[in-house]
Amino acid sequence: MSDHIIDNHEIDLIMEILESLEDEQLAVTLLKEFNQATAHYGKLLMNKDLSLTHAEWKTKCDQAKHTVDLVVTKIRNL
């Protein structure tokens, strides 16, 4: 995954994988996980907390991006 949150092609691919899962409960759980991770990362990127130093903000963004990457990898490996 690159530095942006996630592109439409990748979202389409993730949705196709989740929609094709036999286990609907797992698909819902993974979709929630994906949505929470991308929402958290997006909020960090768009609404920089001015109480944080740039280094702290960057660290939080890097951690959030890593979480998104882990969820995407989990879904892609199904």
PDB file of N, CA and C in Angstrom:
ATOM      1  N   MET A   1       0.837  -1.176   0.000  1.00  0.00           N
ATOM      2  CA  MET A   1       0.000   0.000   0.000  1.00  0.00           C
ATOM      3  C   MET A   1       0.880   1.237   0.000  1.00  0.00           C
ATOM      4  N   SER A   2       0.479   2.280  -0.685  1.00  0.00           N
ATOM      5  CA  SER A   2       1.305   3.477  -0.755  1.00  0.00           C
ATOM      6  C   SER A   2       0.965   4.437   0.376  1.00  0.00           C
ATOM      7  N   ASP A   3       1.444   5.687   0.285  1.00  0.00           N
ATOM      8  CA  ASP A   3       1.294   6.648   1.369  1.00  0.00           C
ATOM      9  C   ASP A   3      -0.121   7.198   1.527  1.00  0.00           C
ATOM     10  N   HIS A   4      -0.948   7.126   0.506  1.00  0.00           N
ATOM     11  CA  HIS A   4      -2.320   7.613   0.664  1.00  0.00           C
ATOM     12  C   HIS A   4      -3.130   6.619   1.480  1.00  0.00           C
ATOM     13  N   ILE A   5      -4.300   7.042   1.890  1.00  0.00           N
ATOM     14  CA  ILE A   5      -5.120   6.162   2.733  1.00  0.00           C
ATOM     15  C   ILE A   5      -5.383   4.864   1.994  1.00  0.00           C
ATOM     16  N   ILE A   6      -6.141   4.922   0.926  1.00  0.00           N
ATOM     17  CA  ILE A   6      -6.428   3.728   0.123  1.00  0.00           C
ATOM     18  C   ILE A   6      -7.135   4.205  -1.142  1.00  0.00           C
ATOM     19  N   ASP A   7      -6.807   3.629  -2.275  1.00  0.00           N
ATOM     20  CA  ASP A   7      -7.433   4.098  -3.512  1.00  0.00           C
ATOM     21  C   ASP A   7      -8.687   3.287  -3.832  1.00  0.00           C
ATOM     22  N   ASN A   8      -9.476   3.805  -4.750  1.00  0.00           N
ATOM     23  CA  ASN A   8     -10.755   3.173  -5.097  1.00  0.00           C
ATOM     24  C   ASN A   8     -10.577   1.763  -5.639  1.00  0.00           C
ATOM     25  N   HIS A   9      -9.532   1.537  -6.402  1.00  0.00           N
ATOM     26  CA  HIS A   9      -9.278   0.190  -6.940  1.00  0.00           C
ATOM     27  C   HIS A   9      -9.085  -0.805  -5.800  1.00  0.00           C
ATOM     28  N   GLU A  10      -8.308  -0.407  -4.812  1.00  0.00           N
ATOM     29  CA  GLU A  10      -8.053  -1.302  -3.688  1.00  0.00           C
ATOM     30  C   GLU A  10      -9.324  -1.521  -2.856  1.00  0.00           C
ATOM     31  N   ILE A  11     -10.115  -0.474  -2.689  1.00  0.00           N
ATOM     32  CA  ILE A  11     -11.392  -0.618  -1.982  1.00  0.00           C
ATOM     33  C   ILE A  11     -12.288  -1.602  -2.726  1.00  0.00           C
ATOM     34  N   ASP A  12     -12.360  -1.467  -4.041  1.00  0.00           N
ATOM     35  CA  ASP A  12     -13.165  -2.395  -4.850  1.00  0.00           C
ATOM     36  C   ASP A  12     -12.688  -3.830  -4.671  1.00  0.00           C
ATOM     37  N   LEU A  13     -11.385  -4.030  -4.681  1.00  0.00           N
ATOM     38  CA  LEU A  13     -10.816  -5.365  -4.514  1.00  0.00           C
ATOM     39  C   LEU A  13     -11.172  -5.935  -3.133  1.00  0.00           C
ATOM     40  N   ILE A  14     -11.031  -5.130  -2.107  1.00  0.00           N
ATOM     41  CA  ILE A  14     -11.363  -5.574  -0.753  1.00  0.00           C
ATOM     42  C   ILE A  14     -12.840  -5.928  -0.650  1.00  0.00           C
ATOM     43  N   MET A  15     -13.687  -5.095  -1.236  1.00  0.00           N
ATOM     44  CA  MET A  15     -15.129  -5.360  -1.192  1.00  0.00           C
ATOM     45  C   MET A  15     -15.466  -6.650  -1.938  1.00  0.00           C
ATOM     46  N   GLU A  16     -14.828  -6.891  -3.070  1.00  0.00           N
ATOM     47  CA  GLU A  16     -15.054  -8.141  -3.813  1.00  0.00           C
ATOM     48  C   GLU A  16     -14.677  -9.354  -2.963  1.00  0.00           C
ATOM     49  N   ILE A  17     -13.542  -9.264  -2.293  1.00  0.00           N
ATOM     50  CA  ILE A  17     -13.101 -10.373  -1.444  1.00  0.00           C
ATOM     51  C   ILE A  17     -14.118 -10.617  -0.329  1.00  0.00           C
ATOM     52  N   LEU A  18     -14.521  -9.547   0.338  1.00  0.00           N
ATOM     53  CA  LEU A  18     -15.457  -9.692   1.455  1.00  0.00           C
ATOM     54  C   LEU A  18     -16.827 -10.197   0.991  1.00  0.00           C
ATOM     55  N   GLU A  19     -17.291  -9.698  -0.156  1.00  0.00           N
ATOM     56  CA  GLU A  19     -18.594 -10.125  -0.674  1.00  0.00           C
ATOM     57  C   GLU A  19     -18.590 -11.594  -1.096  1.00  0.00           C
ATOM     58  N   SER A  20     -17.428 -12.111  -1.468  1.00  0.00           N
ATOM     59  CA  SER A  20     -17.364 -13.499  -1.925  1.00  0.00           C
ATOM     60  C   SER A  20     -17.139 -14.495  -0.782  1.00  0.00           C
ATOM     61  N   LEU A  21     -16.925 -14.001   0.412  1.00  0.00           N
ATOM     62  CA  LEU A  21     -16.711 -14.898   1.546  1.00  0.00           C
ATOM     63  C   LEU A  21     -17.973 -15.688   1.867  1.00  0.00           C
ATOM     64  N   GLU A  22     -17.800 -16.956   2.128  1.00  0.00           N
ATOM     65  CA  GLU A  22     -18.921 -17.811   2.535  1.00  0.00           C
ATOM     66  C   GLU A  22     -19.379 -17.428   3.942  1.00  0.00           C
ATOM     67  N   ASP A  23     -18.434 -17.111   4.805  1.00  0.00           N
ATOM     68  CA  ASP A  23     -18.708 -16.788   6.198  1.00  0.00           C
ATOM     69  C   ASP A  23     -19.092 -15.306   6.298  1.00  0.00           C
ATOM     70  N   GLU A  24     -20.409 -15.049   6.298  1.00  0.00           N
ATOM     71  CA  GLU A  24     -20.891 -13.669   6.313  1.00  0.00           C
ATOM     72  C   GLU A  24     -20.508 -12.943   7.594  1.00  0.00           C
ATOM     73  N   GLN A  25     -20.487 -13.650   8.701  1.00  0.00           N
ATOM     74  CA  GLN A  25     -20.120 -13.026   9.975  1.00  0.00           C
ATOM     75  C   GLN A  25     -18.667 -12.547   9.940  1.00  0.00           C
ATOM     76  N   LEU A  26     -17.786 -13.363   9.373  1.00  0.00           N
ATOM     77  CA  LEU A  26     -16.386 -12.980   9.231  1.00  0.00           C
ATOM     78  C   LEU A  26     -16.268 -11.761   8.310  1.00  0.00           C
ATOM     79  N   ALA A  27     -17.018 -11.761   7.224  1.00  0.00           N
ATOM     80  CA  ALA A  27     -16.983 -10.639   6.286  1.00  0.00           C
ATOM     81  C   ALA A  27     -17.403  -9.347   6.981  1.00  0.00           C
ATOM     82  N   VAL A  28     -18.457  -9.401   7.783  1.00  0.00           N
ATOM     83  CA  VAL A  28     -18.938  -8.211   8.497  1.00  0.00           C
ATOM     84  C   VAL A  28     -17.888  -7.741   9.506  1.00  0.00           C
ATOM     85  N   THR A  29     -17.307  -8.683  10.218  1.00  0.00           N
ATOM     86  CA  THR A  29     -16.278  -8.348  11.207  1.00  0.00           C
ATOM     87  C   THR A  29     -15.082  -7.678  10.542  1.00  0.00           C
ATOM     88  N   LEU A  30     -14.629  -8.237   9.438  1.00  0.00           N
ATOM     89  CA  LEU A  30     -13.479  -7.669   8.724  1.00  0.00           C
ATOM     90  C   LEU A  30     -13.811  -6.315   8.110  1.00  0.00           C
ATOM     91  N   LEU A  31     -15.031  -6.157   7.619  1.00  0.00           N
ATOM     92  CA  LEU A  31     -15.435  -4.862   7.060  1.00  0.00           C
ATOM     93  C   LEU A  31     -15.449  -3.798   8.154  1.00  0.00           C
ATOM     94  N   LYS A  32     -15.955  -4.143   9.332  1.00  0.00           N
ATOM     95  CA  LYS A  32     -15.951  -3.196  10.453  1.00  0.00           C
ATOM     96  C   LYS A  32     -14.522  -2.823  10.833  1.00  0.00           C
ATOM     97  N   GLU A  33     -13.661  -3.826  10.898  1.00  0.00           N
ATOM     98  CA  GLU A  33     -12.253  -3.605  11.232  1.00  0.00           C
ATOM     99  C   GLU A  33     -11.604  -2.665  10.208  1.00  0.00           C
ATOM    100  N   PHE A  34     -11.861  -2.926   8.937  1.00  0.00           N
ATOM    101  CA  PHE A  34     -11.327  -2.105   7.852  1.00  0.00           C
ATOM    102  C   PHE A  34     -11.848  -0.670   7.953  1.00  0.00           C
ATOM    103  N   ASN A  35     -13.143  -0.519   8.155  1.00  0.00           N
ATOM    104  CA  ASN A  35     -13.740   0.816   8.245  1.00  0.00           C
ATOM    105  C   ASN A  35     -13.203   1.599   9.439  1.00  0.00           C
ATOM    106  N   GLN A  36     -13.068   0.941  10.575  1.00  0.00           N
ATOM    107  CA  GLN A  36     -12.544   1.617  11.768  1.00  0.00           C
ATOM    108  C   GLN A  36     -11.095   2.050  11.559  1.00  0.00           C
ATOM    109  N   ALA A  37     -10.298   1.179  10.982  1.00  0.00           N
ATOM    110  CA  ALA A  37      -8.876   1.488  10.770  1.00  0.00           C
ATOM    111  C   ALA A  37      -8.701   2.644   9.794  1.00  0.00           C
ATOM    112  N   THR A  38      -9.439   2.626   8.690  1.00  0.00           N
ATOM    113  CA  THR A  38      -9.292   3.701   7.701  1.00  0.00           C
ATOM    114  C   THR A  38      -9.876   5.014   8.224  1.00  0.00           C
ATOM    115  N   ALA A  39     -10.958   4.945   8.990  1.00  0.00           N
ATOM    116  CA  ALA A  39     -11.548   6.164   9.557  1.00  0.00           C
ATOM    117  C   ALA A  39     -10.581   6.807  10.545  1.00  0.00           C
ATOM    118  N   HIS A  40      -9.973   5.997  11.395  1.00  0.00           N
ATOM    119  CA  HIS A  40      -9.017   6.520  12.383  1.00  0.00           C
ATOM    120  C   HIS A  40      -7.823   7.169  11.677  1.00  0.00           C
ATOM    121  N   TYR A  41      -7.287   6.492  10.687  1.00  0.00           N
ATOM    122  CA  TYR A  41      -6.147   7.017   9.938  1.00  0.00           C
ATOM    123  C   TYR A  41      -6.520   8.315   9.219  1.00  0.00           C
ATOM    124  N   GLY A  42      -7.672   8.323   8.590  1.00  0.00           N
ATOM    125  CA  GLY A  42      -8.128   9.524   7.885  1.00  0.00           C
ATOM    126  C   GLY A  42      -8.308  10.711   8.809  1.00  0.00           C
ATOM    127  N   LYS A  43      -8.864  10.470   9.990  1.00  0.00           N
ATOM    128  CA  LYS A  43      -9.048  11.564  10.960  1.00  0.00           C
ATOM    129  C   LYS A  43      -7.706  12.124  11.408  1.00  0.00           C
ATOM    130  N   LEU A  44      -6.748  11.254  11.636  1.00  0.00           N
ATOM    131  CA  LEU A  44      -5.413  11.727  12.018  1.00  0.00           C
ATOM    132  C   LEU A  44      -4.796  12.579  10.914  1.00  0.00           C
ATOM    133  N   LEU A  45      -4.928  12.136   9.679  1.00  0.00           N
ATOM    134  CA  LEU A  45      -4.338  12.878   8.566  1.00  0.00           C
ATOM    135  C   LEU A  45      -5.010  14.235   8.348  1.00  0.00           C
ATOM    136  N   MET A  46      -6.329  14.262   8.481  1.00  0.00           N
ATOM    137  CA  MET A  46      -7.075  15.474   8.139  1.00  0.00           C
ATOM    138  C   MET A  46      -7.206  16.475   9.287  1.00  0.00           C
ATOM    139  N   ASN A  47      -7.214  16.016  10.505  1.00  0.00           N
ATOM    140  CA  ASN A  47      -7.462  16.889  11.647  1.00  0.00           C
ATOM    141  C   ASN A  47      -6.312  16.832  12.631  1.00  0.00           C
ATOM    142  N   LYS A  48      -5.195  17.356  12.218  1.00  0.00           N
ATOM    143  CA  LYS A  48      -4.020  17.298  13.072  1.00  0.00           C
ATOM    144  C   LYS A  48      -4.305  17.937  14.422  1.00  0.00           C
ATOM    145  N   ASP A  49      -4.058  17.172  15.465  1.00  0.00           N
ATOM    146  CA  ASP A  49      -4.223  17.641  16.835  1.00  0.00           C
ATOM    147  C   ASP A  49      -3.074  18.610  17.135  1.00  0.00           C
ATOM    148  N   LEU A  50      -3.395  19.883  17.317  1.00  0.00           N
ATOM    149  CA  LEU A  50      -2.359  20.892  17.502  1.00  0.00           C
ATOM    150  C   LEU A  50      -1.609  20.741  18.824  1.00  0.00           C
ATOM    151  N   SER A  51      -2.131  19.927  19.729  1.00  0.00           N
ATOM    152  CA  SER A  51      -1.427  19.704  20.995  1.00  0.00           C
ATOM    153  C   SER A  51      -0.268  18.712  20.821  1.00  0.00           C
ATOM    154  N   LEU A  52      -0.253  18.028  19.691  1.00  0.00           N
ATOM    155  CA  LEU A  52       0.821  17.075  19.417  1.00  0.00           C
ATOM    156  C   LEU A  52       1.966  17.762  18.690  1.00  0.00           C
ATOM    157  N   THR A  53       3.181  17.341  18.985  1.00  0.00           N
ATOM    158  CA  THR A  53       4.302  17.808  18.175  1.00  0.00           C
ATOM    159  C   THR A  53       4.198  17.117  16.816  1.00  0.00           C
ATOM    160  N   HIS A  54       4.913  17.633  15.849  1.00  0.00           N
ATOM    161  CA  HIS A  54       4.880  17.005  14.527  1.00  0.00           C
ATOM    162  C   HIS A  54       5.347  15.552  14.629  1.00  0.00           C
ATOM    163  N   ALA A  55       6.382  15.315  15.417  1.00  0.00           N
ATOM    164  CA  ALA A  55       6.921  13.952  15.555  1.00  0.00           C
ATOM    165  C   ALA A  55       5.883  13.014  16.171  1.00  0.00           C
ATOM    166  N   GLU A  56       5.160  13.487  17.194  1.00  0.00           N
ATOM    167  CA  GLU A  56       4.118  12.658  17.815  1.00  0.00           C
ATOM    168  C   GLU A  56       3.001  12.378  16.820  1.00  0.00           C
ATOM    169  N   TRP A  57       2.588  13.412  16.092  1.00  0.00           N
ATOM    170  CA  TRP A  57       1.528  13.265  15.085  1.00  0.00           C
ATOM    171  C   TRP A  57       1.958  12.276  14.009  1.00  0.00           C
ATOM    172  N   LYS A  58       3.204  12.411  13.550  1.00  0.00           N
ATOM    173  CA  LYS A  58       3.733  11.515  12.511  1.00  0.00           C
ATOM    174  C   LYS A  58       3.760  10.076  13.014  1.00  0.00           C
ATOM    175  N   THR A  59       4.171   9.878  14.259  1.00  0.00           N
ATOM    176  CA  THR A  59       4.206   8.536  14.845  1.00  0.00           C
ATOM    177  C   THR A  59       2.806   7.941  14.901  1.00  0.00           C
ATOM    178  N   LYS A  60       1.824   8.723  15.334  1.00  0.00           N
ATOM    179  CA  LYS A  60       0.437   8.240  15.403  1.00  0.00           C
ATOM    180  C   LYS A  60      -0.082   7.900  14.003  1.00  0.00           C
ATOM    181  N   CYS A  61       0.244   8.733  13.014  1.00  0.00           N
ATOM    182  CA  CYS A  61      -0.166   8.456  11.627  1.00  0.00           C
ATOM    183  C   CYS A  61       0.479   7.174  11.116  1.00  0.00           C
ATOM    184  N   ASP A  62       1.763   7.006  11.397  1.00  0.00           N
ATOM    185  CA  ASP A  62       2.467   5.792  10.963  1.00  0.00           C
ATOM    186  C   ASP A  62       1.848   4.543  11.602  1.00  0.00           C
ATOM    187  N   GLN A  63       1.498   4.647  12.884  1.00  0.00           N
ATOM    188  CA  GLN A  63       0.876   3.508  13.570  1.00  0.00           C
ATOM    189  C   GLN A  63      -0.494   3.207  12.975  1.00  0.00           C
ATOM    190  N   ALA A  64      -1.269   4.254  12.696  1.00  0.00           N
ATOM    191  CA  ALA A  64      -2.606   4.061  12.126  1.00  0.00           C
ATOM    192  C   ALA A  64      -2.510   3.462  10.724  1.00  0.00           C
ATOM    193  N   LYS A  65      -1.547   3.926   9.932  1.00  0.00           N
ATOM    194  CA  LYS A  65      -1.365   3.376   8.589  1.00  0.00           C
ATOM    195  C   LYS A  65      -0.972   1.905   8.666  1.00  0.00           C
ATOM    196  N   HIS A  66      -0.134   1.579   9.635  1.00  0.00           N
ATOM    197  CA  HIS A  66       0.280   0.186   9.825  1.00  0.00           C
ATOM    198  C   HIS A  66      -0.939  -0.689  10.146  1.00  0.00           C
ATOM    199  N   THR A  67      -1.832  -0.180  10.970  1.00  0.00           N
ATOM    200  CA  THR A  67      -3.056  -0.917  11.306  1.00  0.00           C
ATOM    201  C   THR A  67      -3.897  -1.142  10.059  1.00  0.00           C
ATOM    202  N   VAL A  68      -4.050  -0.115   9.225  1.00  0.00           N
ATOM    203  CA  VAL A  68      -4.795  -0.256   7.967  1.00  0.00           C
ATOM    204  C   VAL A  68      -4.128  -1.317   7.101  1.00  0.00           C
ATOM    205  N   ASP A  69      -2.818  -1.251   6.981  1.00  0.00           N
ATOM    206  CA  ASP A  69      -2.085  -2.223   6.164  1.00  0.00           C
ATOM    207  C   ASP A  69      -2.291  -3.653   6.662  1.00  0.00           C
ATOM    208  N   LEU A  70      -2.302  -3.826   7.993  1.00  0.00           N
ATOM    209  CA  LEU A  70      -2.518  -5.163   8.553  1.00  0.00           C
ATOM    210  C   LEU A  70      -3.904  -5.703   8.213  1.00  0.00           C
ATOM    211  N   VAL A  71      -4.916  -4.857   8.307  1.00  0.00           N
ATOM    212  CA  VAL A  71      -6.282  -5.290   7.988  1.00  0.00           C
ATOM    213  C   VAL A  71      -6.391  -5.631   6.506  1.00  0.00           C
ATOM    214  N   VAL A  72      -5.822  -4.788   5.654  1.00  0.00           N
ATOM    215  CA  VAL A  72      -5.863  -5.036   4.205  1.00  0.00           C
ATOM    216  C   VAL A  72      -5.156  -6.352   3.883  1.00  0.00           C
ATOM    217  N   THR A  73      -4.022  -6.581   4.486  1.00  0.00           N
ATOM    218  CA  THR A  73      -3.274  -7.818   4.260  1.00  0.00           C
ATOM    219  C   THR A  73      -4.086  -9.016   4.724  1.00  0.00           C
ATOM    220  N   LYS A  74      -4.725  -8.904   5.879  1.00  0.00           N
ATOM    221  CA  LYS A  74      -5.551 -10.007   6.397  1.00  0.00           C
ATOM    222  C   LYS A  74      -6.673 -10.340   5.406  1.00  0.00           C
ATOM    223  N   ILE A  75      -7.301  -9.318   4.867  1.00  0.00           N
ATOM    224  CA  ILE A  75      -8.404  -9.531   3.916  1.00  0.00           C
ATOM    225  C   ILE A  75      -7.876 -10.120   2.603  1.00  0.00           C
ATOM    226  N   ARG A  76      -6.798  -9.586   2.098  1.00  0.00           N
ATOM    227  CA  ARG A  76      -6.234 -10.061   0.829  1.00  0.00           C
ATOM    228  C   ARG A  76      -5.741 -11.498   0.915  1.00  0.00           C
ATOM    229  N   ASN A  77      -5.374 -11.943   2.117  1.00  0.00           N
ATOM    230  CA  ASN A  77      -4.855 -13.299   2.293  1.00  0.00           C
ATOM    231  C   ASN A  77      -5.925 -14.340   2.531  1.00  0.00           C
ATOM    232  N   LEU A  78      -7.186 -13.940   2.440  1.00  0.00           N
ATOM    233  CA  LEU A  78      -8.287 -14.906   2.655  1.00  0.00           C
ATOM    234  C   LEU A  78      -8.374 -15.904   1.509  1.00  0.00           C
TER     235      LEU A  78
END
